[in-house]
């Protein structure tokens, strides 16, 4: 893209945003990421991003603790699955482990960057009799591996929670996270404004703070789970 001198680079994941940042300091970059863009090193400030980068940040690591709490309301003995290639994975792991200690849980963290790694991770989960699985919000998990994750959680009867509603829509149990459609829409608006002549440095980083809890009640019944009424009452949407 840099060689072709594109007008704007829209980076729709943490790793993509970091790669774009490393590739150019002149072409405008609009990112859509989970986590803190300041901590990741994309911008120096949210209000004044400076340079050639701006975009939209939705809560990611900040919700890992709440995801664990939500899943713990249904099951105990929970494990976490993260992608070590995700620049946010270290922070996600730390937040999940801190939350586990607060809840008095021991959290077993597994890593996967390929479909083969995911199969191996589930073999380990079965060996450890994991009661539930916390899945990191990651582009690989959300796209190429989504069907595999849903299939394996159902095959091994492991209740799982993910950050994107794509997971319960595809048959997974639950999701807790920001509405990524809203994030992508805002990134599209920023991209259009830059194409019309505005500078990335003049566009403050936007942050999505609304969190949605989606529960697939049909999946819960298939897993033999009883979702507490208090948790159902908190849900923004229940899929029957």
Protein backbone atom coordinates (compact mmCIF):
# COMPACT_ATOMS: atom_id res chain seq x y z
CA UNK A 1 0.00 0.00 0.00
CA UNK A 2 2.84 2.39 0.75
CA UNK A 3 4.49 1.62 -2.58
CA UNK A 4 1.18 2.33 -4.36
CA UNK A 5 0.88 5.60 -2.41
CA UNK A 6 -2.71 5.03 -1.35
CA UNK A 7 -4.59 8.03 0.01
CA UNK A 8 -5.54 6.46 3.36
CA UNK A 9 -4.86 3.18 5.16
CA UNK A 10 -7.79 1.82 7.18
CA UNK A 11 -6.31 -0.59 9.74
CA UNK A 12 -9.06 -2.72 11.23
CA UNK A 13 -7.14 -4.59 13.94
CA UNK A 14 -4.42 -3.98 16.52
CA UNK A 15 -1.70 -5.81 14.58
CA UNK A 16 -2.71 -4.10 11.33
CA UNK A 17 -2.54 -0.68 12.98
CA UNK A 18 0.93 -1.35 14.38
CA UNK A 19 2.14 -2.64 10.99
CA UNK A 20 0.75 0.44 9.22
CA UNK A 21 2.39 2.74 11.77
CA UNK A 22 5.74 1.04 11.16
CA UNK A 23 5.34 1.23 7.38
CA UNK A 24 4.68 4.95 6.92
CA UNK A 25 4.82 8.30 8.67
CA UNK A 26 3.19 10.22 5.81
CA UNK A 27 0.13 8.29 4.58
CA UNK A 28 -2.88 8.93 6.87
CA UNK A 29 -3.92 5.90 8.95
CA UNK A 30 -7.37 5.34 10.48
CA UNK A 31 -7.40 2.47 12.97
CA UNK A 32 -10.21 0.45 14.53
CA UNK A 33 -8.79 -1.34 17.54
CA UNK A 34 -9.56 -2.81 20.93
CA UNK A 35 -7.56 -1.39 23.81
CA UNK A 36 -5.66 1.78 24.52
CA UNK A 37 -3.95 3.28 21.42
CA UNK A 38 -1.64 5.31 23.67
CA UNK A 39 -0.35 2.21 25.48
CA UNK A 40 0.02 0.35 22.19
CA UNK A 41 2.11 3.26 20.90
CA UNK A 42 -0.12 4.38 18.04
CA UNK A 43 -0.73 7.92 19.28
CA UNK A 44 0.74 10.18 21.92
CA UNK A 45 -2.62 11.55 23.03
CA UNK A 46 -6.29 10.74 22.42
CA UNK A 47 -7.34 14.38 22.02
CA UNK A 48 -4.31 15.36 19.96
CA UNK A 49 -3.10 12.23 18.16
CA UNK A 50 -0.54 14.22 16.11
CA UNK A 51 1.35 12.64 13.25
CA UNK A 52 -0.51 10.67 10.60
CA UNK A 53 -2.64 8.37 12.78
CA UNK A 54 -6.09 8.55 14.35
CA UNK A 55 -9.10 6.29 14.63
CA UNK A 56 -11.55 4.55 16.90
CA UNK A 57 -10.86 2.54 20.04
CA UNK A 58 -13.41 0.22 21.65
CA UNK A 59 -13.04 -1.31 25.07
CA UNK A 60 -11.14 -4.59 24.92
CA UNK A 61 -8.75 -5.27 27.77
CA UNK A 62 -10.98 -3.14 29.99
CA UNK A 63 -13.82 -5.66 29.61
CA UNK A 64 -11.80 -8.84 30.16
CA UNK A 65 -12.43 -8.67 33.91
CA UNK A 66 -16.17 -8.21 33.41
CA UNK A 67 -16.26 -11.04 30.88
CA UNK A 68 -14.77 -13.35 33.49
CA UNK A 69 -17.32 -12.19 36.06
CA UNK A 70 -20.19 -12.85 33.64
CA UNK A 71 -18.92 -16.33 32.77
CA UNK A 72 -18.27 -17.09 36.44
CA UNK A 73 -21.98 -16.50 37.10
CA UNK A 74 -22.64 -19.60 34.99
CA UNK A 75 -19.58 -21.83 35.53
CA UNK A 76 -16.38 -22.08 37.55
CA UNK A 77 -12.89 -23.41 36.78
CA UNK A 78 -12.43 -21.11 33.79
CA UNK A 79 -9.59 -20.96 31.26
CA UNK A 80 -8.64 -18.18 28.83
CA UNK A 81 -7.59 -18.37 25.17
CA UNK A 82 -5.41 -15.58 23.73
CA UNK A 83 -3.52 -14.96 20.51
CA UNK A 84 0.13 -14.12 21.33
CA UNK A 85 0.44 -12.30 17.99
CA UNK A 86 -2.10 -9.72 19.15
CA UNK A 87 -0.30 -6.63 20.56
CA UNK A 88 -3.03 -6.45 23.20
CA UNK A 89 -2.68 -10.07 24.41
CA UNK A 90 -0.23 -9.35 27.22
CA UNK A 91 -2.53 -6.69 28.71
CA UNK A 92 -5.58 -8.91 28.16
CA UNK A 93 -3.89 -11.80 29.97
CA UNK A 94 -2.82 -9.58 32.87
CA UNK A 95 -6.33 -8.13 33.29
CA UNK A 96 -7.95 -11.57 33.15
CA UNK A 97 -5.55 -13.00 35.73
CA UNK A 98 -6.06 -10.02 38.05
CA UNK A 99 -9.82 -10.51 37.80
CA UNK A 100 -9.44 -14.23 38.49
CA UNK A 101 -7.46 -13.54 41.67
CA UNK A 102 -10.14 -11.10 42.82
CA UNK A 103 -12.78 -13.81 42.31
CA UNK A 104 -10.61 -16.41 44.03
CA UNK A 105 -10.14 -18.39 40.80
CA UNK A 106 -7.12 -19.98 39.19
CA UNK A 107 -7.14 -19.05 35.52
CA UNK A 108 -5.30 -21.32 33.07
CA UNK A 109 -4.20 -19.25 30.04
CA UNK A 110 -3.72 -20.96 26.67
CA UNK A 111 -2.29 -19.46 23.48
CA UNK A 112 -3.28 -20.05 19.86
CA UNK A 113 -2.26 -18.33 16.65
CA UNK A 114 -3.36 -21.03 14.17
CA UNK A 115 -6.29 -23.42 13.74
CA UNK A 116 -3.98 -26.26 14.78
CA UNK A 117 -3.10 -24.38 17.97
CA UNK A 118 -6.80 -24.03 18.75
CA UNK A 119 -7.32 -27.79 18.41
CA UNK A 120 -4.40 -28.38 20.77
CA UNK A 121 -5.76 -25.81 23.23
CA UNK A 122 -9.09 -27.60 23.40
CA UNK A 123 -7.37 -30.92 24.00
CA UNK A 124 -5.68 -29.31 27.00
CA UNK A 125 -8.98 -27.80 28.16
CA UNK A 126 -10.60 -31.23 28.14
CA UNK A 127 -7.67 -32.73 30.04
CA UNK A 128 -7.98 -30.02 32.71
CA UNK A 129 -11.78 -30.39 32.89
CA UNK A 130 -12.21 -26.68 32.22
CA UNK A 131 -15.67 -25.50 33.19
CA UNK A 132 -15.66 -22.49 30.88
CA UNK A 133 -13.58 -20.53 28.39
CA UNK A 134 -12.84 -16.81 28.14
CA UNK A 135 -11.85 -16.00 24.54
CA UNK A 136 -9.81 -12.89 23.82
CA UNK A 137 -11.21 -10.42 21.31
CA UNK A 138 -8.87 -11.06 18.38
CA UNK A 139 -9.28 -10.66 14.59
CA UNK A 140 -8.17 -14.25 13.87
CA UNK A 141 -10.62 -15.64 16.43
CA UNK A 142 -13.36 -13.40 15.04
CA UNK A 143 -12.94 -14.40 11.40
CA UNK A 144 -11.17 -17.53 10.20
CA UNK A 145 -11.46 -19.34 13.54
CA UNK A 146 -14.97 -18.32 14.60
CA UNK A 147 -16.76 -21.40 13.23
CA UNK A 148 -14.04 -23.65 14.66
CA UNK A 149 -14.36 -22.07 18.12
CA UNK A 150 -18.15 -22.44 18.14
CA UNK A 151 -17.91 -26.04 16.94
CA UNK A 152 -15.31 -27.05 19.53
CA UNK A 153 -17.05 -25.33 22.45
CA UNK A 154 -20.24 -27.21 21.58
CA UNK A 155 -18.52 -30.54 20.85
CA UNK A 156 -16.74 -30.52 24.19
CA UNK A 157 -19.63 -28.82 26.05
CA UNK A 158 -17.45 -25.91 27.20
CA UNK A 159 -19.42 -22.72 27.92
CA UNK A 160 -17.54 -19.78 26.42
CA UNK A 161 -17.74 -16.00 26.24
CA UNK A 162 -16.30 -13.75 23.52
CA UNK A 163 -16.21 -9.99 22.97
CA UNK A 164 -18.05 -9.88 19.66
CA UNK A 165 -21.73 -10.69 19.20
CA UNK A 166 -20.71 -12.66 16.11
CA UNK A 167 -19.95 -15.49 18.55
CA UNK A 168 -23.49 -16.00 19.99
CA UNK A 169 -24.95 -15.22 16.57
CA UNK A 170 -22.95 -18.17 15.21
CA UNK A 171 -24.11 -20.47 18.02
CA UNK A 172 -21.69 -19.63 20.83
CA UNK A 173 -22.96 -19.03 24.35
CA UNK A 174 -22.31 -15.38 25.19
CA UNK A 175 -20.58 -12.17 24.21
CA UNK A 176 -19.74 -9.08 26.23
CA UNK A 177 -18.16 -6.13 24.47
CA UNK A 178 -18.55 -3.03 22.34
CA UNK A 179 -20.66 -2.90 19.20
CA UNK A 180 -17.99 -3.23 16.51
CA UNK A 181 -20.39 -2.19 13.79
CA UNK A 182 -20.55 1.24 15.44
CA UNK A 183 -16.73 1.32 15.62
CA UNK A 184 -16.34 0.50 11.93
CA UNK A 185 -18.98 3.08 10.97
CA UNK A 186 -17.09 5.78 12.86
CA UNK A 187 -13.82 4.71 11.22
CA UNK A 188 -15.49 4.97 7.84
CA UNK A 189 -16.60 8.51 8.63
CA UNK A 190 -13.05 9.47 9.64
CA UNK A 191 -11.66 7.87 6.47
CA UNK A 192 -14.10 9.88 4.35
CA UNK A 193 -13.19 13.12 6.14
CA UNK A 194 -9.49 12.54 5.45
CA UNK A 195 -10.22 11.75 1.80
CA UNK A 196 -12.01 15.10 1.64
CA UNK A 197 -8.91 16.92 2.89
CA UNK A 198 -8.87 16.87 6.69
CA UNK A 199 -5.71 15.81 8.54
CA UNK A 200 -5.49 12.80 10.84
CA UNK A 201 -3.72 14.93 13.45
CA UNK A 202 -6.80 17.17 13.72
CA UNK A 203 -9.21 14.30 14.39
CA UNK A 204 -9.27 13.14 18.04
CA UNK A 205 -9.34 9.41 18.70
CA UNK A 206 -12.93 8.33 19.36
CA UNK A 207 -13.68 5.84 22.14
CA UNK A 208 -16.70 3.57 22.32
CA UNK A 209 -17.83 3.00 25.89
CA UNK A 210 -21.19 1.25 25.46
CA UNK A 211 -20.98 -2.46 26.30
CA UNK A 212 -23.49 -5.11 25.21
CA UNK A 213 -24.21 -8.49 26.79
CA UNK A 214 -25.66 -11.02 24.34
CA UNK A 215 -26.77 -14.48 25.52
CA UNK A 216 -27.73 -17.39 23.27
CA UNK A 217 -30.33 -19.16 25.42
CA UNK A 218 -30.70 -21.97 22.90
CA UNK A 219 -27.00 -22.75 23.24
CA UNK A 220 -27.26 -22.63 27.03
CA UNK A 221 -30.05 -25.23 26.93
CA UNK A 222 -28.02 -27.41 24.54
CA UNK A 223 -25.12 -27.27 27.00
CA UNK A 224 -27.41 -28.14 29.90
CA UNK A 225 -26.81 -24.77 31.57
CA UNK A 226 -29.21 -22.73 33.64
CA UNK A 227 -28.49 -19.04 33.14
CA UNK A 228 -29.26 -17.12 36.35
CA UNK A 229 -32.32 -14.83 35.99
CA UNK A 230 -30.21 -11.92 37.24
CA UNK A 231 -27.80 -12.41 34.32
CA UNK A 232 -30.65 -12.71 31.81
CA UNK A 233 -32.07 -9.46 33.17
CA UNK A 234 -28.74 -7.73 32.48
CA UNK A 235 -28.59 -8.95 28.87
CA UNK A 236 -29.08 -6.45 26.06
CA UNK A 237 -30.34 -9.28 23.88
CA UNK A 238 -31.31 -12.90 24.46
CA UNK A 239 -31.22 -15.21 21.46
CA UNK A 240 -33.86 -17.92 21.88
